Amino acid sequence: QVQLVESGGGLVQPGGSLRLSCVASGSIFAIHTMGWYRQAPGKERELVATINSGGGITYAVSVKGRFTISRDNAKNTVSLQMTSLNPEDTAVYFCNSHFPLTGHDDWGQGTQVTVSS
């Protein structure tokens, strides 16, 4: 199992930026696919971005060009740089660790991002 701790959420005005970070412990971080998901009130959890062990990246269409996911295997950290934020980005953002060999997923506790003037 992997323990995940997110940080960096908060309140930001439309057009602003935030950087989320997630620190992982408890497993071999480098072999996991890491990702960010979000869940807005009344909606299902949705994928935001993922980055696999080889550095391959996937983005949701709604965030492509505005968000950047990155990982630092030496620090067991995955980050999400968010720019040009709009109210539709308001959600609880969750860090995810996916172990490809077993399909096992672990989740962080979530961090709130609110985009509002």
PDB file of N, CA and C in Angstrom:
ATOM      1  N   GLN A   1       0.829  -1.193   0.000  1.00  0.00           N
ATOM      2  CA  GLN A   1       0.000   0.000   0.000  1.00  0.00           C
ATOM      3  C   GLN A   1       0.865   1.244   0.000  1.00  0.00           C
ATOM      4  N   VAL A   2       0.277   2.320  -0.519  1.00  0.00           N
ATOM      5  CA  VAL A   2       0.958   3.598  -0.603  1.00  0.00           C
ATOM      6  C   VAL A   2       0.162   4.623   0.197  1.00  0.00           C
ATOM      7  N   GLN A   3       0.850   5.374   1.009  1.00  0.00           N
ATOM      8  CA  GLN A   3       0.221   6.477   1.727  1.00  0.00           C
ATOM      9  C   GLN A   3       0.493   7.762   0.958  1.00  0.00           C
ATOM     10  N   LEU A   4      -0.548   8.539   0.747  1.00  0.00           N
ATOM     11  CA  LEU A   4      -0.457   9.749  -0.063  1.00  0.00           C
ATOM     12  C   LEU A   4      -0.958  10.946   0.735  1.00  0.00           C
ATOM     13  N   VAL A   5      -0.185  12.019   0.708  1.00  0.00           N
ATOM     14  CA  VAL A   5      -0.561  13.242   1.407  1.00  0.00           C
ATOM     15  C   VAL A   5      -0.485  14.408   0.442  1.00  0.00           C
ATOM     16  N   GLU A   6      -1.651  15.035   0.199  1.00  0.00           N
ATOM     17  CA  GLU A   6      -1.715  16.172  -0.719  1.00  0.00           C
ATOM     18  C   GLU A   6      -1.567  17.483   0.041  1.00  0.00           C
ATOM     19  N   SER A   7      -1.130  18.491  -0.691  1.00  0.00           N
ATOM     20  CA  SER A   7      -1.067  19.850  -0.156  1.00  0.00           C
ATOM     21  C   SER A   7      -1.161  20.831  -1.305  1.00  0.00           C
ATOM     22  N   GLY A   8      -1.468  22.088  -0.968  1.00  0.00           N
ATOM     23  CA  GLY A   8      -1.428  23.135  -1.971  1.00  0.00           C
ATOM     24  C   GLY A   8      -2.768  23.669  -2.423  1.00  0.00           C
ATOM     25  N   GLY A   9      -3.857  23.095  -1.948  1.00  0.00           N
ATOM     26  CA  GLY A   9      -5.155  23.622  -2.345  1.00  0.00           C
ATOM     27  C   GLY A   9      -5.443  24.960  -1.695  1.00  0.00           C
ATOM     28  N   GLY A  10      -6.559  25.558  -2.114  1.00  0.00           N
ATOM     29  CA  GLY A  10      -6.941  26.833  -1.524  1.00  0.00           C
ATOM     30  C   GLY A  10      -7.914  27.580  -2.385  1.00  0.00           C
ATOM     31  N   LEU A  11      -8.073  28.854  -2.060  1.00  0.00           N
ATOM     32  CA  LEU A  11      -8.971  29.749  -2.791  1.00  0.00           C
ATOM     33  C   LEU A  11      -8.154  30.621  -3.729  1.00  0.00           C
ATOM     34  N   VAL A  12      -8.585  30.688  -4.974  1.00  0.00           N
ATOM     35  CA  VAL A  12      -7.878  31.488  -5.972  1.00  0.00           C
ATOM     36  C   VAL A  12      -8.897  32.173  -6.869  1.00  0.00           C
ATOM     37  N   GLN A  13      -8.554  33.338  -7.371  1.00  0.00           N
ATOM     38  CA  GLN A  13      -9.440  34.060  -8.270  1.00  0.00           C
ATOM     39  C   GLN A  13      -9.373  33.468  -9.681  1.00  0.00           C
ATOM     40  N   PRO A  14     -10.432  33.651 -10.454  1.00  0.00           N
ATOM     41  CA  PRO A  14     -10.394  33.192 -11.851  1.00  0.00           C
ATOM     42  C   PRO A  14      -9.192  33.773 -12.592  1.00  0.00           C
ATOM     43  N   GLY A  15      -8.544  32.914 -13.364  1.00  0.00           N
ATOM     44  CA  GLY A  15      -7.340  33.317 -14.062  1.00  0.00           C
ATOM     45  C   GLY A  15      -6.066  33.082 -13.279  1.00  0.00           C
ATOM     46  N   GLY A  16      -6.206  32.705 -12.021  1.00  0.00           N
ATOM     47  CA  GLY A  16      -5.054  32.506 -11.169  1.00  0.00           C
ATOM     48  C   GLY A  16      -4.440  31.124 -11.310  1.00  0.00           C
ATOM     49  N   SER A  17      -3.436  30.878 -10.472  1.00  0.00           N
ATOM     50  CA  SER A  17      -2.682  29.626 -10.526  1.00  0.00           C
ATOM     51  C   SER A  17      -2.558  29.025  -9.144  1.00  0.00           C
ATOM     52  N   LEU A  18      -2.421  27.707  -9.120  1.00  0.00           N
ATOM     53  CA  LEU A  18      -2.136  26.971  -7.894  1.00  0.00           C
ATOM     54  C   LEU A  18      -1.253  25.786  -8.247  1.00  0.00           C
ATOM     55  N   ARG A  19      -0.498  25.344  -7.263  1.00  0.00           N
ATOM     56  CA  ARG A  19       0.328  24.154  -7.454  1.00  0.00           C
ATOM     57  C   ARG A  19      -0.010  23.156  -6.353  1.00  0.00           C
ATOM     58  N   LEU A  20      -0.430  21.983  -6.760  1.00  0.00           N
ATOM     59  CA  LEU A  20      -0.715  20.903  -5.820  1.00  0.00           C
ATOM     60  C   LEU A  20       0.474  19.947  -5.768  1.00  0.00           C
ATOM     61  N   SER A  21       0.732  19.427  -4.581  1.00  0.00           N
ATOM     62  CA  SER A  21       1.794  18.438  -4.419  1.00  0.00           C
ATOM     63  C   SER A  21       1.262  17.236  -3.655  1.00  0.00           C
ATOM     64  N   CYS A  22       1.857  16.101  -3.929  1.00  0.00           N
ATOM     65  CA  CYS A  22       1.463  14.861  -3.268  1.00  0.00           C
ATOM     66  C   CYS A  22       2.737  14.075  -2.960  1.00  0.00           C
ATOM     67  N   VAL A  23       2.921  13.773  -1.692  1.00  0.00           N
ATOM     68  CA  VAL A  23       4.074  12.991  -1.264  1.00  0.00           C
ATOM     69  C   VAL A  23       3.617  11.576  -0.961  1.00  0.00           C
ATOM     70  N   ALA A  24       4.348  10.603  -1.499  1.00  0.00           N
ATOM     71  CA  ALA A  24       3.991   9.195  -1.337  1.00  0.00           C
ATOM     72  C   ALA A  24       4.994   8.470  -0.452  1.00  0.00           C
ATOM     73  N   SER A  25       4.504   7.494   0.276  1.00  0.00           N
ATOM     74  CA  SER A  25       5.392   6.659   1.088  1.00  0.00           C
ATOM     75  C   SER A  25       4.812   5.254   1.157  1.00  0.00           C
ATOM     76  N   GLY A  26       5.673   4.298   1.431  1.00  0.00           N
ATOM     77  CA  GLY A  26       5.194   2.950   1.663  1.00  0.00           C
ATOM     78  C   GLY A  26       5.396   1.975   0.535  1.00  0.00           C
ATOM     79  N   SER A  27       5.896   2.420  -0.591  1.00  0.00           N
ATOM     80  CA  SER A  27       6.121   1.504  -1.695  1.00  0.00           C
ATOM     81  C   SER A  27       7.199   2.063  -2.606  1.00  0.00           C
ATOM     82  N   ILE A  28       7.469   1.341  -3.681  1.00  0.00           N
ATOM     83  CA  ILE A  28       8.477   1.813  -4.632  1.00  0.00           C
ATOM     84  C   ILE A  28       7.795   2.787  -5.574  1.00  0.00           C
ATOM     85  N   PHE A  29       7.945   4.065  -5.264  1.00  0.00           N
ATOM     86  CA  PHE A  29       7.213   5.111  -5.965  1.00  0.00           C
ATOM     87  C   PHE A  29       7.441   5.079  -7.467  1.00  0.00           C
ATOM     88  N   ALA A  30       8.665   4.832  -7.884  1.00  0.00           N
ATOM     89  CA  ALA A  30       9.030   5.007  -9.292  1.00  0.00           C
ATOM     90  C   ALA A  30       8.263   4.089 -10.237  1.00  0.00           C
ATOM     91  N   ILE A  31       7.746   2.971  -9.759  1.00  0.00           N
ATOM     92  CA  ILE A  31       7.082   2.035 -10.659  1.00  0.00           C
ATOM     93  C   ILE A  31       5.575   2.251 -10.716  1.00  0.00           C
ATOM     94  N   HIS A  32       5.085   3.202  -9.939  1.00  0.00           N
ATOM     95  CA  HIS A  32       3.651   3.458  -9.938  1.00  0.00           C
ATOM     96  C   HIS A  32       3.269   4.515 -10.961  1.00  0.00           C
ATOM     97  N   THR A  33       2.106   4.362 -11.530  1.00  0.00           N
ATOM     98  CA  THR A  33       1.500   5.453 -12.283  1.00  0.00           C
ATOM     99  C   THR A  33       0.830   6.369 -11.274  1.00  0.00           C
ATOM    100  N   MET A  34       1.151   7.633 -11.348  1.00  0.00           N
ATOM    101  CA  MET A  34       0.597   8.620 -10.425  1.00  0.00           C
ATOM    102  C   MET A  34      -0.393   9.513 -11.163  1.00  0.00           C
ATOM    103  N   GLY A  35      -1.389   9.969 -10.442  1.00  0.00           N
ATOM    104  CA  GLY A  35      -2.387  10.787 -11.104  1.00  0.00           C
ATOM    105  C   GLY A  35      -3.094  11.733 -10.172  1.00  0.00           C
ATOM    106  N   TRP A  36      -3.775  12.675 -10.770  1.00  0.00           N
ATOM    107  CA  TRP A  36      -4.653  13.592 -10.064  1.00  0.00           C
ATOM    108  C   TRP A  36      -6.061  13.431 -10.618  1.00  0.00           C
ATOM    109  N   TYR A  37      -6.997  13.336  -9.715  1.00  0.00           N
ATOM    110  CA  TYR A  37      -8.414  13.267 -10.040  1.00  0.00           C
ATOM    111  C   TYR A  37      -9.120  14.374  -9.261  1.00  0.00           C
ATOM    112  N   ARG A  38     -10.338  14.699  -9.668  1.00  0.00           N
ATOM    113  CA  ARG A  38     -11.088  15.710  -8.941  1.00  0.00           C
ATOM    114  C   ARG A  38     -12.560  15.350  -8.898  1.00  0.00           C
ATOM    115  N   GLN A  39     -13.207  15.863  -7.873  1.00  0.00           N
ATOM    116  CA  GLN A  39     -14.632  15.615  -7.714  1.00  0.00           C
ATOM    117  C   GLN A  39     -15.306  16.900  -7.268  1.00  0.00           C
ATOM    118  N   ALA A  40     -16.187  17.398  -8.113  1.00  0.00           N
ATOM    119  CA  ALA A  40     -16.962  18.590  -7.797  1.00  0.00           C
ATOM    120  C   ALA A  40     -18.263  18.173  -7.102  1.00  0.00           C
ATOM    121  N   PRO A  41     -18.871  19.085  -6.365  1.00  0.00           N
ATOM    122  CA  PRO A  41     -20.126  18.742  -5.667  1.00  0.00           C
ATOM    123  C   PRO A  41     -21.182  18.215  -6.625  1.00  0.00           C
ATOM    124  N   GLY A  42     -21.760  17.076  -6.294  1.00  0.00           N
ATOM    125  CA  GLY A  42     -22.817  16.501  -7.101  1.00  0.00           C
ATOM    126  C   GLY A  42     -22.355  15.802  -8.362  1.00  0.00           C
ATOM    127  N   LYS A  43     -21.042  15.696  -8.525  1.00  0.00           N
ATOM    128  CA  LYS A  43     -20.507  15.064  -9.735  1.00  0.00           C
ATOM    129  C   LYS A  43     -19.622  13.880  -9.373  1.00  0.00           C
ATOM    130  N   GLU A  44     -19.377  13.038 -10.369  1.00  0.00           N
ATOM    131  CA  GLU A  44     -18.504  11.893 -10.159  1.00  0.00           C
ATOM    132  C   GLU A  44     -17.040  12.331 -10.197  1.00  0.00           C
ATOM    133  N   ARG A  45     -16.206  11.520  -9.570  1.00  0.00           N
ATOM    134  CA  ARG A  45     -14.779  11.784  -9.624  1.00  0.00           C
ATOM    135  C   ARG A  45     -14.298  11.597 -11.066  1.00  0.00           C
ATOM    136  N   GLU A  46     -13.444  12.515 -11.522  1.00  0.00           N
ATOM    137  CA  GLU A  46     -12.958  12.449 -12.891  1.00  0.00           C
ATOM    138  C   GLU A  46     -11.445  12.594 -12.937  1.00  0.00           C
ATOM    139  N   LEU A  47     -10.876  11.981 -13.973  1.00  0.00           N
ATOM    140  CA  LEU A  47      -9.440  12.078 -14.175  1.00  0.00           C
ATOM    141  C   LEU A  47      -9.049  13.488 -14.598  1.00  0.00           C
ATOM    142  N   VAL A  48      -7.957  13.967 -14.020  1.00  0.00           N
ATOM    143  CA  VAL A  48      -7.387  15.253 -14.427  1.00  0.00           C
ATOM    144  C   VAL A  48      -6.129  15.015 -15.249  1.00  0.00           C
ATOM    145  N   ALA A  49      -5.198  14.244 -14.679  1.00  0.00           N
ATOM    146  CA  ALA A  49      -3.943  13.971 -15.372  1.00  0.00           C
ATOM    147  C   ALA A  49      -3.270  12.767 -14.728  1.00  0.00           C
ATOM    148  N   THR A  50      -2.520  12.026 -15.540  1.00  0.00           N
ATOM    149  CA  THR A  50      -1.713  10.921 -15.020  1.00  0.00           C
ATOM    150  C   THR A  50      -0.321  10.974 -15.633  1.00  0.00           C
ATOM    151  N   ILE A  51       0.634  10.397 -14.910  1.00  0.00           N
ATOM    152  CA  ILE A  51       1.996  10.277 -15.409  1.00  0.00           C
ATOM    153  C   ILE A  51       2.511   8.902 -14.998  1.00  0.00           C
ATOM    154  N   ASN A  52       2.973   8.126 -15.984  1.00  0.00           N
ATOM    155  CA  ASN A  52       3.395   6.767 -15.654  1.00  0.00           C
ATOM    156  C   ASN A  52       4.884   6.710 -15.322  1.00  0.00           C
ATOM    157  N   SER A  53       5.365   5.498 -15.075  1.00  0.00           N
ATOM    158  CA  SER A  53       6.746   5.344 -14.634  1.00  0.00           C
ATOM    159  C   SER A  53       7.744   5.763 -15.706  1.00  0.00           C
ATOM    160  N   GLY A  54       7.324   5.726 -16.965  1.00  0.00           N
ATOM    161  CA  GLY A  54       8.208   6.134 -18.054  1.00  0.00           C
ATOM    162  C   GLY A  54       8.089   7.597 -18.422  1.00  0.00           C
ATOM    163  N   GLY A  55       7.226   8.304 -17.701  1.00  0.00           N
ATOM    164  CA  GLY A  55       7.040   9.725 -17.970  1.00  0.00           C
ATOM    165  C   GLY A  55       5.924  10.024 -18.955  1.00  0.00           C
ATOM    166  N   GLY A  56       5.220   8.993 -19.398  1.00  0.00           N
ATOM    167  CA  GLY A  56       4.096   9.218 -20.287  1.00  0.00           C
ATOM    168  C   GLY A  56       2.962   9.917 -19.570  1.00  0.00           C
ATOM    169  N   ILE A  57       2.360  10.907 -20.207  1.00  0.00           N
ATOM    170  CA  ILE A  57       1.379  11.781 -19.565  1.00  0.00           C
ATOM    171  C   ILE A  57       0.060  11.768 -20.321  1.00  0.00           C
ATOM    172  N   THR A  58      -1.026  11.799 -19.542  1.00  0.00           N
ATOM    173  CA  THR A  58      -2.374  11.929 -20.083  1.00  0.00           C
ATOM    174  C   THR A  58      -3.070  13.080 -19.374  1.00  0.00           C
ATOM    175  N   TYR A  59      -3.785  13.899 -20.128  1.00  0.00           N
ATOM    176  CA  TYR A  59      -4.569  14.997 -19.553  1.00  0.00           C
ATOM    177  C   TYR A  59      -6.027  14.873 -19.973  1.00  0.00           C
ATOM    178  N   ALA A  60      -6.908  15.295 -19.094  1.00  0.00           N
ATOM    179  CA  ALA A  60      -8.294  15.491 -19.492  1.00  0.00           C
ATOM    180  C   ALA A  60      -8.359  16.635 -20.492  1.00  0.00           C
ATOM    181  N   VAL A  61      -9.283  16.549 -21.425  1.00  0.00           N
ATOM    182  CA  VAL A  61      -9.415  17.580 -22.448  1.00  0.00           C
ATOM    183  C   VAL A  61      -9.639  18.949 -21.811  1.00  0.00           C
ATOM    184  N   SER A  62     -10.378  18.973 -20.726  1.00  0.00           N
ATOM    185  CA  SER A  62     -10.751  20.241 -20.106  1.00  0.00           C
ATOM    186  C   SER A  62      -9.578  20.983 -19.467  1.00  0.00           C
ATOM    187  N   VAL A  63      -8.469  20.288 -19.211  1.00  0.00           N
ATOM    188  CA  VAL A  63      -7.338  20.938 -18.547  1.00  0.00           C
ATOM    189  C   VAL A  63      -6.098  21.008 -19.431  1.00  0.00           C
ATOM    190  N   LYS A  64      -6.137  20.369 -20.575  1.00  0.00           N
ATOM    191  CA  LYS A  64      -4.962  20.328 -21.445  1.00  0.00           C
ATOM    192  C   LYS A  64      -4.567  21.742 -21.856  1.00  0.00           C
ATOM    193  N   GLY A  65      -3.282  22.029 -21.725  1.00  0.00           N
ATOM    194  CA  GLY A  65      -2.791  23.359 -22.053  1.00  0.00           C
ATOM    195  C   GLY A  65      -2.802  24.314 -20.879  1.00  0.00           C
ATOM    196  N   ARG A  66      -3.501  23.940 -19.790  1.00  0.00           N
ATOM    197  CA  ARG A  66      -3.559  24.792 -18.601  1.00  0.00           C
ATOM    198  C   ARG A  66      -2.880  24.145 -17.397  1.00  0.00           C
ATOM    199  N   PHE A  67      -2.948  22.826 -17.314  1.00  0.00           N
ATOM    200  CA  PHE A  67      -2.382  22.100 -16.181  1.00  0.00           C
ATOM    201  C   PHE A  67      -1.153  21.320 -16.646  1.00  0.00           C
ATOM    202  N   THR A  68      -0.206  21.159 -15.726  1.00  0.00           N
ATOM    203  CA  THR A  68       0.999  20.383 -16.007  1.00  0.00           C
ATOM    204  C   THR A  68       1.268  19.445 -14.842  1.00  0.00           C
ATOM    205  N   ILE A  69       1.352  18.148 -15.142  1.00  0.00           N
ATOM    206  CA  ILE A  69       1.678  17.160 -14.119  1.00  0.00           C
ATOM    207  C   ILE A  69       3.152  16.814 -14.239  1.00  0.00           C
ATOM    208  N   SER A  70       3.781  16.596 -13.099  1.00  0.00           N
ATOM    209  CA  SER A  70       5.193  16.205 -13.095  1.00  0.00           C
ATOM    210  C   SER A  70       5.455  15.320 -11.879  1.00  0.00           C
ATOM    211  N   ARG A  71       6.568  14.604 -11.938  1.00  0.00           N
ATOM    212  CA  ARG A  71       6.921  13.743 -10.819  1.00  0.00           C
ATOM    213  C   ARG A  71       8.420  13.839 -10.551  1.00  0.00           C
ATOM    214  N   ASP A  72       8.768  13.667  -9.292  1.00  0.00           N
ATOM    215  CA  ASP A  72      10.161  13.642  -8.868  1.00  0.00           C
ATOM    216  C   ASP A  72      10.352  12.343  -8.089  1.00  0.00           C
ATOM    217  N   ASN A  73      10.901  11.345  -8.756  1.00  0.00           N
ATOM    218  CA  ASN A  73      11.027  10.028  -8.121  1.00  0.00           C
ATOM    219  C   ASN A  73      12.003  10.051  -6.944  1.00  0.00           C
ATOM    220  N   ALA A  74      12.962  10.948  -6.971  1.00  0.00           N
ATOM    221  CA  ALA A  74      13.922  11.040  -5.859  1.00  0.00           C
ATOM    222  C   ALA A  74      13.242  11.536  -4.582  1.00  0.00           C
ATOM    223  N   LYS A  75      12.164  12.313  -4.752  1.00  0.00           N
ATOM    224  CA  LYS A  75      11.453  12.869  -3.603  1.00  0.00           C
ATOM    225  C   LYS A  75      10.092  12.226  -3.390  1.00  0.00           C
ATOM    226  N   ASN A  76       9.787  11.183  -4.167  1.00  0.00           N
ATOM    227  CA  ASN A  76       8.490  10.502  -4.065  1.00  0.00           C
ATOM    228  C   ASN A  76       7.329  11.491  -4.143  1.00  0.00           C
ATOM    229  N   THR A  77       7.421  12.396  -5.087  1.00  0.00           N
ATOM    230  CA  THR A  77       6.449  13.484  -5.178  1.00  0.00           C
ATOM    231  C   THR A  77       5.873  13.587  -6.584  1.00  0.00           C
ATOM    232  N   VAL A  78       4.582  13.839  -6.640  1.00  0.00           N
ATOM    233  CA  VAL A  78       3.935  14.186  -7.902  1.00  0.00           C
ATOM    234  C   VAL A  78       3.243  15.528  -7.700  1.00  0.00           C
ATOM    235  N   SER A  79       3.341  16.385  -8.702  1.00  0.00           N
ATOM    236  CA  SER A  79       2.802  17.740  -8.598  1.00  0.00           C
ATOM    237  C   SER A  79       1.867  18.030  -9.752  1.00  0.00           C
ATOM    238  N   LEU A  80       0.991  19.003  -9.515  1.00  0.00           N
ATOM    239  CA  LEU A  80       0.076  19.459 -10.557  1.00  0.00           C
ATOM    240  C   LEU A  80       0.105  20.978 -10.547  1.00  0.00           C
ATOM    241  N   GLN A  81       0.689  21.564 -11.574  1.00  0.00           N
ATOM    242  CA  GLN A  81       0.699  23.019 -11.736  1.00  0.00           C
ATOM    243  C   GLN A  81      -0.542  23.408 -12.522  1.00  0.00           C
ATOM    244  N   MET A  82      -1.370  24.245 -11.917  1.00  0.00           N
ATOM    245  CA  MET A  82      -2.639  24.639 -12.535  1.00  0.00           C
ATOM    246  C   MET A  82      -2.603  26.124 -12.837  1.00  0.00           C
ATOM    247  N   THR A  83      -2.868  26.482 -14.072  1.00  0.00           N
ATOM    248  CA  THR A  83      -2.908  27.887 -14.479  1.00  0.00           C
ATOM    249  C   THR A  83      -4.235  28.193 -15.156  1.00  0.00           C
ATOM    250  N   SER A  84      -4.497  29.463 -15.350  1.00  0.00           N
ATOM    251  CA  SER A  84      -5.737  29.919 -15.998  1.00  0.00           C
ATOM    252  C   SER A  84      -6.954  29.230 -15.386  1.00  0.00           C
ATOM    253  N   LEU A  85      -6.986  29.202 -14.083  1.00  0.00           N
ATOM    254  CA  LEU A  85      -8.078  28.507 -13.393  1.00  0.00           C
ATOM    255  C   LEU A  85      -9.398  29.235 -13.604  1.00  0.00           C
ATOM    256  N   ASN A  86     -10.460  28.453 -13.694  1.00  0.00           N
ATOM    257  CA  ASN A  86     -11.798  29.021 -13.830  1.00  0.00           C
ATOM    258  C   ASN A  86     -12.726  28.333 -12.830  1.00  0.00           C
ATOM    259  N   PRO A  87     -13.898  28.889 -12.595  1.00  0.00           N
ATOM    260  CA  PRO A  87     -14.789  28.330 -11.567  1.00  0.00           C
ATOM    261  C   PRO A  87     -15.123  26.858 -11.787  1.00  0.00           C
ATOM    262  N   GLU A  88     -15.095  26.401 -13.040  1.00  0.00           N
ATOM    263  CA  GLU A  88     -15.385  24.992 -13.324  1.00  0.00           C
ATOM    264  C   GLU A  88     -14.299  24.063 -12.809  1.00  0.00           C
ATOM    265  N   ASP A  89     -13.165  24.606 -12.417  1.00  0.00           N
ATOM    266  CA  ASP A  89     -12.085  23.794 -11.834  1.00  0.00           C
ATOM    267  C   ASP A  89     -12.271  23.582 -10.336  1.00  0.00           C
ATOM    268  N   THR A  90     -13.267  24.220  -9.767  1.00  0.00           N
ATOM    269  CA  THR A  90     -13.529  24.057  -8.338  1.00  0.00           C
ATOM    270  C   THR A  90     -13.916  22.616  -8.026  1.00  0.00           C
ATOM    271  N   ALA A  91     -13.186  22.009  -7.112  1.00  0.00           N
ATOM    272  CA  ALA A  91     -13.409  20.606  -6.775  1.00  0.00           C
ATOM    273  C   ALA A  91     -12.454  20.203  -5.655  1.00  0.00           C
ATOM    274  N   VAL A  92     -12.691  19.017  -5.123  1.00  0.00           N
ATOM    275  CA  VAL A  92     -11.690  18.388  -4.271  1.00  0.00           C
ATOM    276  C   VAL A  92     -10.774  17.580  -5.184  1.00  0.00           C
ATOM    277  N   TYR A  93      -9.483  17.822  -5.065  1.00  0.00           N
ATOM    278  CA  TYR A  93      -8.501  17.161  -5.906  1.00  0.00           C
ATOM    279  C   TYR A  93      -7.837  16.031  -5.105  1.00  0.00           C
ATOM    280  N   PHE A  94      -7.789  14.862  -5.731  1.00  0.00           N
ATOM    281  CA  PHE A  94      -7.258  13.672  -5.083  1.00  0.00           C
ATOM    282  C   PHE A  94      -6.013  13.173  -5.812  1.00  0.00           C
ATOM    283  N   CYS A  95      -5.016  12.828  -5.043  1.00  0.00           N
ATOM    284  CA  CYS A  95      -3.832  12.166  -5.581  1.00  0.00           C
ATOM    285  C   CYS A  95      -4.094  10.672  -5.643  1.00  0.00           C
ATOM    286  N   ASN A  96      -3.648  10.050  -6.720  1.00  0.00           N
ATOM    287  CA  ASN A  96      -3.857   8.617  -6.922  1.00  0.00           C
ATOM    288  C   ASN A  96      -2.540   7.937  -7.256  1.00  0.00           C
ATOM    289  N   SER A  97      -2.372   6.749  -6.686  1.00  0.00           N
ATOM    290  CA  SER A  97      -1.242   5.890  -7.028  1.00  0.00           C
ATOM    291  C   SER A  97      -1.788   4.577  -7.571  1.00  0.00           C
ATOM    292  N   HIS A  98      -1.361   4.226  -8.763  1.00  0.00           N
ATOM    293  CA  HIS A  98      -1.829   3.001  -9.413  1.00  0.00           C
ATOM    294  C   HIS A  98      -0.652   2.071  -9.646  1.00  0.00           C
ATOM    295  N   PHE A  99      -0.764   0.842  -9.142  1.00  0.00           N
ATOM    296  CA  PHE A  99       0.298  -0.140  -9.312  1.00  0.00           C
ATOM    297  C   PHE A  99      -0.072  -1.030 -10.500  1.00  0.00           C
ATOM    298  N   PRO A 100       0.587  -0.872 -11.639  1.00  0.00           N
ATOM    299  CA  PRO A 100       0.160  -1.556 -12.864  1.00  0.00           C
ATOM    300  C   PRO A 100       0.137  -3.081 -12.771  1.00  0.00           C
ATOM    301  N   LEU A 101       1.055  -3.674 -11.992  1.00  0.00           N
ATOM    302  CA  LEU A 101       1.154  -5.139 -11.976  1.00  0.00           C
ATOM    303  C   LEU A 101      -0.070  -5.794 -11.337  1.00  0.00           C
ATOM    304  N   THR A 102      -0.711  -5.105 -10.399  1.00  0.00           N
ATOM    305  CA  THR A 102      -1.861  -5.683  -9.701  1.00  0.00           C
ATOM    306  C   THR A 102      -3.154  -4.917  -9.953  1.00  0.00           C
ATOM    307  N   GLY A 103      -3.037  -3.714 -10.476  1.00  0.00           N
ATOM    308  CA  GLY A 103      -4.218  -2.872 -10.663  1.00  0.00           C
ATOM    309  C   GLY A 103      -4.681  -2.190  -9.398  1.00  0.00           C
ATOM    310  N   HIS A 104      -3.883  -2.267  -8.342  1.00  0.00           N
ATOM    311  CA  HIS A 104      -4.276  -1.684  -7.057  1.00  0.00           C
ATOM    312  C   HIS A 104      -4.152  -0.162  -7.089  1.00  0.00           C
ATOM    313  N   ASP A 105      -5.139   0.498  -6.500  1.00  0.00           N
ATOM    314  CA  ASP A 105      -5.144   1.958  -6.405  1.00  0.00           C
ATOM    315  C   ASP A 105      -5.136   2.397  -4.945  1.00  0.00           C
ATOM    316  N   ASP A 106      -4.388   3.433  -4.667  1.00  0.00           N
ATOM    317  CA  ASP A 106      -4.437   4.124  -3.387  1.00  0.00           C
ATOM    318  C   ASP A 106      -4.777   5.584  -3.623  1.00  0.00           C
ATOM    319  N   TRP A 107      -5.433   6.187  -2.619  1.00  0.00           N
ATOM    320  CA  TRP A 107      -5.901   7.567  -2.755  1.00  0.00           C
ATOM    321  C   TRP A 107      -5.468   8.398  -1.562  1.00  0.00           C
ATOM    322  N   GLY A 108      -5.207   9.673  -1.843  1.00  0.00           N
ATOM    323  CA  GLY A 108      -4.993  10.617  -0.769  1.00  0.00           C
ATOM    324  C   GLY A 108      -6.314  11.091  -0.201  1.00  0.00           C
ATOM    325  N   GLN A 109      -6.242  11.946   0.804  1.00  0.00           N
ATOM    326  CA  GLN A 109      -7.456  12.401   1.481  1.00  0.00           C
ATOM    327  C   GLN A 109      -8.161  13.527   0.725  1.00  0.00           C
ATOM    328  N   GLY A 110      -7.470  14.122  -0.236  1.00  0.00           N
ATOM    329  CA  GLY A 110      -8.068  15.184  -1.036  1.00  0.00           C
ATOM    330  C   GLY A 110      -7.718  16.564  -0.518  1.00  0.00           C
ATOM    331  N   THR A 111      -7.646  17.512  -1.432  1.00  0.00           N
ATOM    332  CA  THR A 111      -7.408  18.906  -1.078  1.00  0.00           C
ATOM    333  C   THR A 111      -8.370  19.781  -1.884  1.00  0.00           C
ATOM    334  N   GLN A 112      -8.983  20.737  -1.205  1.00  0.00           N
ATOM    335  CA  GLN A 112     -10.012  21.568  -1.842  1.00  0.00           C
ATOM    336  C   GLN A 112      -9.373  22.683  -2.662  1.00  0.00           C
ATOM    337  N   VAL A 113      -9.854  22.819  -3.887  1.00  0.00           N
ATOM    338  CA  VAL A 113      -9.496  23.951  -4.744  1.00  0.00           C
ATOM    339  C   VAL A 113     -10.777  24.697  -5.074  1.00  0.00           C
ATOM    340  N   THR A 114     -10.796  25.970  -4.745  1.00  0.00           N
ATOM    341  CA  THR A 114     -11.961  26.807  -5.013  1.00  0.00           C
ATOM    342  C   THR A 114     -11.536  27.995  -5.856  1.00  0.00           C
ATOM    343  N   VAL A 115     -12.184  28.145  -7.001  1.00  0.00           N
ATOM    344  CA  VAL A 115     -11.890  29.254  -7.903  1.00  0.00           C
ATOM    345  C   VAL A 115     -13.100  30.186  -7.889  1.00  0.00           C
ATOM    346  N   SER A 116     -12.899  31.345  -7.317  1.00  0.00           N
ATOM    347  CA  SER A 116     -14.012  32.273  -7.142  1.00  0.00           C
ATOM    348  C   SER A 116     -13.486  33.686  -6.966  1.00  0.00           C
ATOM    349  N   SER A 117     -14.273  34.645  -7.446  1.00  0.00           N
ATOM    350  CA  SER A 117     -13.913  36.041  -7.235  1.00  0.00           C
ATOM    351  C   SER A 117     -14.585  36.573  -5.978  1.00  0.00           C
TER     352      SER A 117
END
